[in-house]
Amino acid sequence: MLGSLESEVLAALRELGEAPARNVRKTLERRGRRVAYTTVATILSRLHAKGLVKRRRESCRGGERYVYRAGNVEQKYLANLLRSVVAMFGAAGVVHLNEEIAKLDPTEERELRRRLGLP
């Protein structure tokens, strides 16, 4: 699961499309969230380690930097969330989740399946 700052960093990155940590920090600041550059860089590295963002190196003044972009966040996040439900609640959690999915109208269920990459 993502923490609130991780979610905010990811949302800022999605808004930007592709950006270095400095631009992500500026976007957060414009939204009223003051965070140190090093904190944003650390969060982006953690999101990369979780497979939620992709990065590439680029030359810049003074050396190199990473430029980040959001990966297939939704599918990966939802899959991790489902695994967490199973790990935390076992069979009872799966039964409850199935009951909740059964309450969705067919359009919502199709959309959920599409987002999860299921047939």
N, C-alpha and C. Protein backbone atom coordinates (compact mmCIF):
# COMPACT_ATOMS: atom_id res chain seq x y z
N MET A 1 0.83 -1.17 0.00
CA MET A 1 0.00 0.00 0.00
C MET A 1 0.88 1.24 0.00
N LEU A 2 0.32 2.32 -0.46
CA LEU A 2 1.07 3.56 -0.55
C LEU A 2 0.72 4.49 0.61
N GLY A 3 1.75 5.18 1.10
CA GLY A 3 1.53 6.21 2.10
C GLY A 3 1.00 7.46 1.43
N SER A 4 0.57 8.43 2.23
CA SER A 4 -0.03 9.64 1.65
C SER A 4 0.97 10.44 0.82
N LEU A 5 2.21 10.55 1.28
CA LEU A 5 3.21 11.29 0.51
C LEU A 5 3.55 10.55 -0.78
N GLU A 6 3.66 9.23 -0.70
CA GLU A 6 3.91 8.46 -1.93
C GLU A 6 2.79 8.68 -2.94
N SER A 7 1.56 8.70 -2.47
CA SER A 7 0.42 8.93 -3.35
C SER A 7 0.47 10.31 -3.98
N GLU A 8 0.85 11.30 -3.19
CA GLU A 8 0.94 12.67 -3.70
C GLU A 8 2.06 12.80 -4.73
N VAL A 9 3.20 12.18 -4.46
CA VAL A 9 4.32 12.20 -5.41
C VAL A 9 3.91 11.52 -6.70
N LEU A 10 3.25 10.40 -6.61
CA LEU A 10 2.81 9.67 -7.79
C LEU A 10 1.80 10.48 -8.59
N ALA A 11 0.87 11.14 -7.91
CA ALA A 11 -0.12 11.98 -8.59
C ALA A 11 0.57 13.15 -9.30
N ALA A 12 1.54 13.75 -8.66
CA ALA A 12 2.28 14.86 -9.29
C ALA A 12 3.02 14.36 -10.52
N LEU A 13 3.62 13.20 -10.42
CA LEU A 13 4.36 12.64 -11.55
C LEU A 13 3.41 12.32 -12.70
N ARG A 14 2.26 11.77 -12.39
CA ARG A 14 1.29 11.47 -13.45
C ARG A 14 0.85 12.75 -14.14
N GLU A 15 0.68 13.82 -13.38
CA GLU A 15 0.31 15.11 -13.96
C GLU A 15 1.39 15.60 -14.92
N LEU A 16 2.64 15.42 -14.53
CA LEU A 16 3.76 15.91 -15.33
C LEU A 16 4.07 15.00 -16.51
N GLY A 17 3.72 13.74 -16.42
CA GLY A 17 4.04 12.79 -17.48
C GLY A 17 5.40 12.17 -17.27
N GLU A 18 6.42 12.98 -17.37
CA GLU A 18 7.81 12.55 -17.16
C GLU A 18 8.57 13.74 -16.58
N ALA A 19 9.34 13.49 -15.52
CA ALA A 19 10.01 14.62 -14.88
C ALA A 19 11.09 14.15 -13.92
N PRO A 20 12.10 14.99 -13.70
CA PRO A 20 13.08 14.72 -12.63
C PRO A 20 12.47 15.07 -11.27
N ALA A 21 13.11 14.64 -10.22
CA ALA A 21 12.62 14.85 -8.85
C ALA A 21 12.38 16.34 -8.57
N ARG A 22 13.24 17.20 -9.08
CA ARG A 22 13.11 18.64 -8.83
C ARG A 22 11.76 19.17 -9.32
N ASN A 23 11.33 18.75 -10.50
CA ASN A 23 10.06 19.22 -11.05
C ASN A 23 8.87 18.64 -10.28
N VAL A 24 9.02 17.40 -9.81
CA VAL A 24 7.97 16.79 -9.00
C VAL A 24 7.82 17.59 -7.70
N ARG A 25 8.95 17.95 -7.08
CA ARG A 25 8.91 18.74 -5.86
C ARG A 25 8.22 20.08 -6.10
N LYS A 26 8.52 20.73 -7.21
CA LYS A 26 7.89 22.02 -7.53
C LYS A 26 6.39 21.88 -7.71
N THR A 27 5.97 20.79 -8.32
CA THR A 27 4.53 20.55 -8.50
C THR A 27 3.86 20.34 -7.15
N LEU A 28 4.50 19.59 -6.27
CA LEU A 28 3.95 19.40 -4.92
C LEU A 28 3.85 20.73 -4.19
N GLU A 29 4.85 21.58 -4.34
CA GLU A 29 4.85 22.88 -3.68
C GLU A 29 3.71 23.76 -4.20
N ARG A 30 3.47 23.72 -5.51
CA ARG A 30 2.36 24.49 -6.08
C ARG A 30 1.02 24.01 -5.52
N ARG A 31 0.96 22.74 -5.15
CA ARG A 31 -0.26 22.17 -4.57
C ARG A 31 -0.35 22.43 -3.06
N GLY A 32 0.64 23.13 -2.51
CA GLY A 32 0.62 23.45 -1.09
C GLY A 32 1.34 22.46 -0.20
N ARG A 33 2.06 21.53 -0.78
CA ARG A 33 2.79 20.52 0.00
C ARG A 33 4.28 20.84 -0.09
N ARG A 34 4.85 21.33 1.02
CA ARG A 34 6.27 21.67 1.05
C ARG A 34 7.06 20.46 1.51
N VAL A 35 7.93 19.98 0.63
CA VAL A 35 8.74 18.79 0.91
C VAL A 35 10.15 19.05 0.39
N ALA A 36 11.13 18.56 1.11
CA ALA A 36 12.52 18.72 0.69
C ALA A 36 12.78 17.91 -0.58
N TYR A 37 13.70 18.42 -1.39
CA TYR A 37 14.09 17.72 -2.61
C TYR A 37 14.54 16.30 -2.31
N THR A 38 15.34 16.13 -1.26
CA THR A 38 15.87 14.80 -0.94
C THR A 38 14.75 13.83 -0.57
N THR A 39 13.70 14.34 0.05
CA THR A 39 12.56 13.50 0.40
C THR A 39 11.85 13.03 -0.85
N VAL A 40 11.64 13.93 -1.80
CA VAL A 40 10.99 13.56 -3.06
C VAL A 40 11.84 12.55 -3.81
N ALA A 41 13.15 12.77 -3.87
CA ALA A 41 14.05 11.83 -4.55
C ALA A 41 13.99 10.45 -3.91
N THR A 42 13.94 10.41 -2.59
CA THR A 42 13.85 9.14 -1.87
C THR A 42 12.53 8.44 -2.17
N ILE A 43 11.45 9.18 -2.14
CA ILE A 43 10.13 8.60 -2.43
C ILE A 43 10.10 8.05 -3.85
N LEU A 44 10.65 8.79 -4.80
CA LEU A 44 10.68 8.31 -6.18
C LEU A 44 11.51 7.04 -6.31
N SER A 45 12.61 6.97 -5.61
CA SER A 45 13.44 5.75 -5.61
C SER A 45 12.66 4.57 -5.03
N ARG A 46 11.92 4.81 -3.98
CA ARG A 46 11.12 3.74 -3.37
C ARG A 46 10.00 3.30 -4.31
N LEU A 47 9.36 4.25 -4.97
CA LEU A 47 8.32 3.90 -5.93
C LEU A 47 8.91 3.11 -7.10
N HIS A 48 10.12 3.45 -7.48
CA HIS A 48 10.80 2.70 -8.53
C HIS A 48 11.07 1.27 -8.06
N ALA A 49 11.54 1.12 -6.84
CA ALA A 49 11.82 -0.21 -6.28
C ALA A 49 10.55 -1.05 -6.20
N LYS A 50 9.41 -0.41 -5.98
CA LYS A 50 8.13 -1.11 -5.93
C LYS A 50 7.58 -1.41 -7.32
N GLY A 51 8.25 -0.88 -8.35
CA GLY A 51 7.80 -1.11 -9.72
C GLY A 51 6.68 -0.20 -10.15
N LEU A 52 6.43 0.87 -9.40
CA LEU A 52 5.33 1.77 -9.73
C LEU A 52 5.73 2.93 -10.63
N VAL A 53 7.03 3.22 -10.69
CA VAL A 53 7.52 4.24 -11.62
C VAL A 53 8.72 3.67 -12.38
N LYS A 54 8.92 4.21 -13.54
CA LYS A 54 10.08 3.85 -14.36
C LYS A 54 11.00 5.05 -14.37
N ARG A 55 12.28 4.81 -14.63
CA ARG A 55 13.21 5.93 -14.67
C ARG A 55 14.27 5.68 -15.74
N ARG A 56 14.84 6.78 -16.20
CA ARG A 56 15.96 6.72 -17.13
C ARG A 56 16.95 7.80 -16.72
N ARG A 57 18.20 7.55 -17.06
CA ARG A 57 19.24 8.55 -16.76
C ARG A 57 19.31 9.56 -17.90
N GLU A 58 19.62 10.78 -17.52
CA GLU A 58 19.82 11.81 -18.53
C GLU A 58 20.94 12.72 -18.06
N SER A 59 21.70 13.21 -19.00
CA SER A 59 22.77 14.16 -18.67
C SER A 59 22.15 15.50 -18.34
N CYS A 60 22.73 16.15 -17.38
CA CYS A 60 22.27 17.49 -17.02
C CYS A 60 23.49 18.28 -16.57
N ARG A 61 23.27 19.55 -16.33
CA ARG A 61 24.34 20.40 -15.83
C ARG A 61 24.87 19.82 -14.53
N GLY A 62 26.13 19.51 -14.50
CA GLY A 62 26.73 18.99 -13.28
C GLY A 62 26.77 17.47 -13.21
N GLY A 63 26.29 16.77 -14.23
CA GLY A 63 26.36 15.31 -14.19
C GLY A 63 25.16 14.63 -14.80
N GLU A 64 24.58 13.72 -14.04
CA GLU A 64 23.42 12.97 -14.51
C GLU A 64 22.31 13.03 -13.48
N ARG A 65 21.11 12.75 -13.93
CA ARG A 65 19.97 12.67 -13.03
C ARG A 65 19.00 11.64 -13.59
N TYR A 66 18.08 11.22 -12.74
CA TYR A 66 17.01 10.33 -13.19
C TYR A 66 15.81 11.18 -13.60
N VAL A 67 15.17 10.72 -14.66
CA VAL A 67 13.90 11.29 -15.09
C VAL A 67 12.88 10.17 -14.92
N TYR A 68 11.82 10.45 -14.19
CA TYR A 68 10.82 9.45 -13.82
C TYR A 68 9.55 9.59 -14.62
N ARG A 69 8.83 8.46 -14.76
CA ARG A 69 7.48 8.47 -15.32
C ARG A 69 6.71 7.34 -14.64
N ALA A 70 5.43 7.55 -14.52
CA ALA A 70 4.59 6.54 -13.87
C ALA A 70 4.51 5.30 -14.74
N GLY A 71 4.59 4.14 -14.12
CA GLY A 71 4.44 2.89 -14.83
C GLY A 71 2.97 2.51 -14.86
N ASN A 72 2.70 1.24 -15.03
CA ASN A 72 1.32 0.75 -15.02
C ASN A 72 0.89 0.65 -13.56
N VAL A 73 0.72 1.78 -12.97
CA VAL A 73 0.51 1.89 -11.53
C VAL A 73 -0.77 1.20 -11.08
N GLU A 74 -1.83 1.50 -11.74
CA GLU A 74 -3.12 1.02 -11.27
C GLU A 74 -3.17 -0.50 -11.21
N GLN A 75 -2.78 -1.16 -12.28
CA GLN A 75 -2.85 -2.62 -12.31
C GLN A 75 -1.93 -3.24 -11.25
N LYS A 76 -0.72 -2.73 -11.16
CA LYS A 76 0.23 -3.26 -10.18
C LYS A 76 -0.25 -2.99 -8.75
N TYR A 77 -0.76 -1.79 -8.51
CA TYR A 77 -1.24 -1.44 -7.17
C TYR A 77 -2.43 -2.31 -6.78
N LEU A 78 -3.38 -2.47 -7.69
CA LEU A 78 -4.55 -3.29 -7.39
C LEU A 78 -4.17 -4.75 -7.16
N ALA A 79 -3.24 -5.26 -7.94
CA ALA A 79 -2.79 -6.64 -7.75
C ALA A 79 -2.14 -6.80 -6.38
N ASN A 80 -1.31 -5.83 -5.98
CA ASN A 80 -0.68 -5.87 -4.65
C ASN A 80 -1.72 -5.76 -3.55
N LEU A 81 -2.74 -4.95 -3.78
CA LEU A 81 -3.80 -4.80 -2.80
C LEU A 81 -4.56 -6.12 -2.62
N LEU A 82 -4.82 -6.79 -3.72
CA LEU A 82 -5.51 -8.08 -3.64
C LEU A 82 -4.67 -9.10 -2.89
N ARG A 83 -3.37 -9.12 -3.15
CA ARG A 83 -2.48 -10.04 -2.42
C ARG A 83 -2.48 -9.71 -0.93
N SER A 84 -2.55 -8.43 -0.61
CA SER A 84 -2.59 -8.02 0.80
C SER A 84 -3.87 -8.50 1.48
N VAL A 85 -4.98 -8.44 0.77
CA VAL A 85 -6.25 -8.93 1.33
C VAL A 85 -6.13 -10.41 1.66
N VAL A 86 -5.56 -11.17 0.72
CA VAL A 86 -5.40 -12.60 0.94
C VAL A 86 -4.45 -12.86 2.12
N ALA A 87 -3.34 -12.14 2.16
CA ALA A 87 -2.36 -12.34 3.23
C ALA A 87 -2.92 -11.95 4.60
N MET A 88 -3.68 -10.88 4.65
CA MET A 88 -4.18 -10.38 5.93
C MET A 88 -5.42 -11.12 6.43
N PHE A 89 -6.31 -11.48 5.50
CA PHE A 89 -7.60 -12.01 5.93
C PHE A 89 -7.86 -13.45 5.49
N GLY A 90 -6.96 -14.01 4.69
CA GLY A 90 -7.13 -15.39 4.26
C GLY A 90 -8.39 -15.61 3.46
N ALA A 91 -8.94 -16.81 3.57
CA ALA A 91 -10.11 -17.20 2.80
C ALA A 91 -11.32 -16.32 3.08
N ALA A 92 -11.48 -15.90 4.33
CA ALA A 92 -12.62 -15.05 4.69
C ALA A 92 -12.56 -13.72 3.94
N GLY A 93 -11.37 -13.18 3.79
CA GLY A 93 -11.20 -11.93 3.04
C GLY A 93 -11.55 -12.10 1.58
N VAL A 94 -11.16 -13.22 1.00
CA VAL A 94 -11.47 -13.50 -0.40
C VAL A 94 -12.97 -13.65 -0.59
N VAL A 95 -13.62 -14.36 0.33
CA VAL A 95 -15.08 -14.54 0.26
C VAL A 95 -15.77 -13.19 0.34
N HIS A 96 -15.36 -12.35 1.29
CA HIS A 96 -15.97 -11.03 1.44
C HIS A 96 -15.73 -10.18 0.18
N LEU A 97 -14.53 -10.22 -0.34
CA LEU A 97 -14.23 -9.46 -1.56
C LEU A 97 -15.11 -9.92 -2.71
N ASN A 98 -15.28 -11.23 -2.87
CA ASN A 98 -16.16 -11.75 -3.92
C ASN A 98 -17.60 -11.30 -3.73
N GLU A 99 -18.04 -11.26 -2.48
CA GLU A 99 -19.40 -10.79 -2.20
C GLU A 99 -19.57 -9.33 -2.60
N GLU A 100 -18.55 -8.53 -2.30
CA GLU A 100 -18.61 -7.11 -2.66
C GLU A 100 -18.58 -6.92 -4.18
N ILE A 101 -17.77 -7.69 -4.86
CA ILE A 101 -17.71 -7.60 -6.33
C ILE A 101 -19.05 -8.01 -6.93
N ALA A 102 -19.70 -9.02 -6.35
CA ALA A 102 -21.00 -9.47 -6.84
C ALA A 102 -22.06 -8.37 -6.75
N LYS A 103 -21.86 -7.40 -5.86
CA LYS A 103 -22.81 -6.30 -5.69
C LYS A 103 -22.66 -5.22 -6.78
N LEU A 104 -21.55 -5.25 -7.51
CA LEU A 104 -21.31 -4.25 -8.55
C LEU A 104 -22.25 -4.48 -9.72
N ASP A 105 -22.62 -3.40 -10.38
CA ASP A 105 -23.40 -3.62 -11.60
C ASP A 105 -22.44 -4.12 -12.69
N PRO A 106 -22.96 -4.75 -13.74
CA PRO A 106 -22.09 -5.38 -14.75
C PRO A 106 -21.06 -4.44 -15.38
N THR A 107 -21.43 -3.18 -15.55
CA THR A 107 -20.48 -2.22 -16.14
C THR A 107 -19.31 -1.98 -15.20
N GLU A 108 -19.59 -1.81 -13.92
CA GLU A 108 -18.52 -1.61 -12.94
C GLU A 108 -17.63 -2.84 -12.83
N GLU A 109 -18.24 -4.01 -12.87
CA GLU A 109 -17.46 -5.24 -12.78
C GLU A 109 -16.53 -5.39 -14.00
N ARG A 110 -17.04 -5.10 -15.19
CA ARG A 110 -16.20 -5.16 -16.40
C ARG A 110 -15.03 -4.19 -16.31
N GLU A 111 -15.31 -2.99 -15.80
CA GLU A 111 -14.27 -1.97 -15.65
C GLU A 111 -13.21 -2.43 -14.65
N LEU A 112 -13.64 -3.02 -13.54
CA LEU A 112 -12.70 -3.53 -12.55
C LEU A 112 -11.84 -4.63 -13.16
N ARG A 113 -12.45 -5.55 -13.88
CA ARG A 113 -11.71 -6.63 -14.53
C ARG A 113 -10.70 -6.07 -15.54
N ARG A 114 -11.14 -5.06 -16.29
CA ARG A 114 -10.23 -4.44 -17.27
C ARG A 114 -9.03 -3.83 -16.57
N ARG A 115 -9.28 -3.12 -15.47
CA ARG A 115 -8.21 -2.46 -14.73
C ARG A 115 -7.23 -3.47 -14.14
N LEU A 116 -7.75 -4.64 -13.76
CA LEU A 116 -6.90 -5.68 -13.19
C LEU A 116 -6.22 -6.52 -14.26
N GLY A 117 -6.59 -6.32 -15.52
CA GLY A 117 -6.02 -7.10 -16.61
C GLY A 117 -6.58 -8.52 -16.66
N LEU A 118 -7.82 -8.67 -16.18
CA LEU A 118 -8.47 -9.99 -16.16
C LEU A 118 -9.43 -10.10 -17.33
N PRO A 119 -9.72 -11.33 -17.77
CA PRO A 119 -10.68 -11.51 -18.88
C PRO A 119 -12.10 -11.19 -18.48
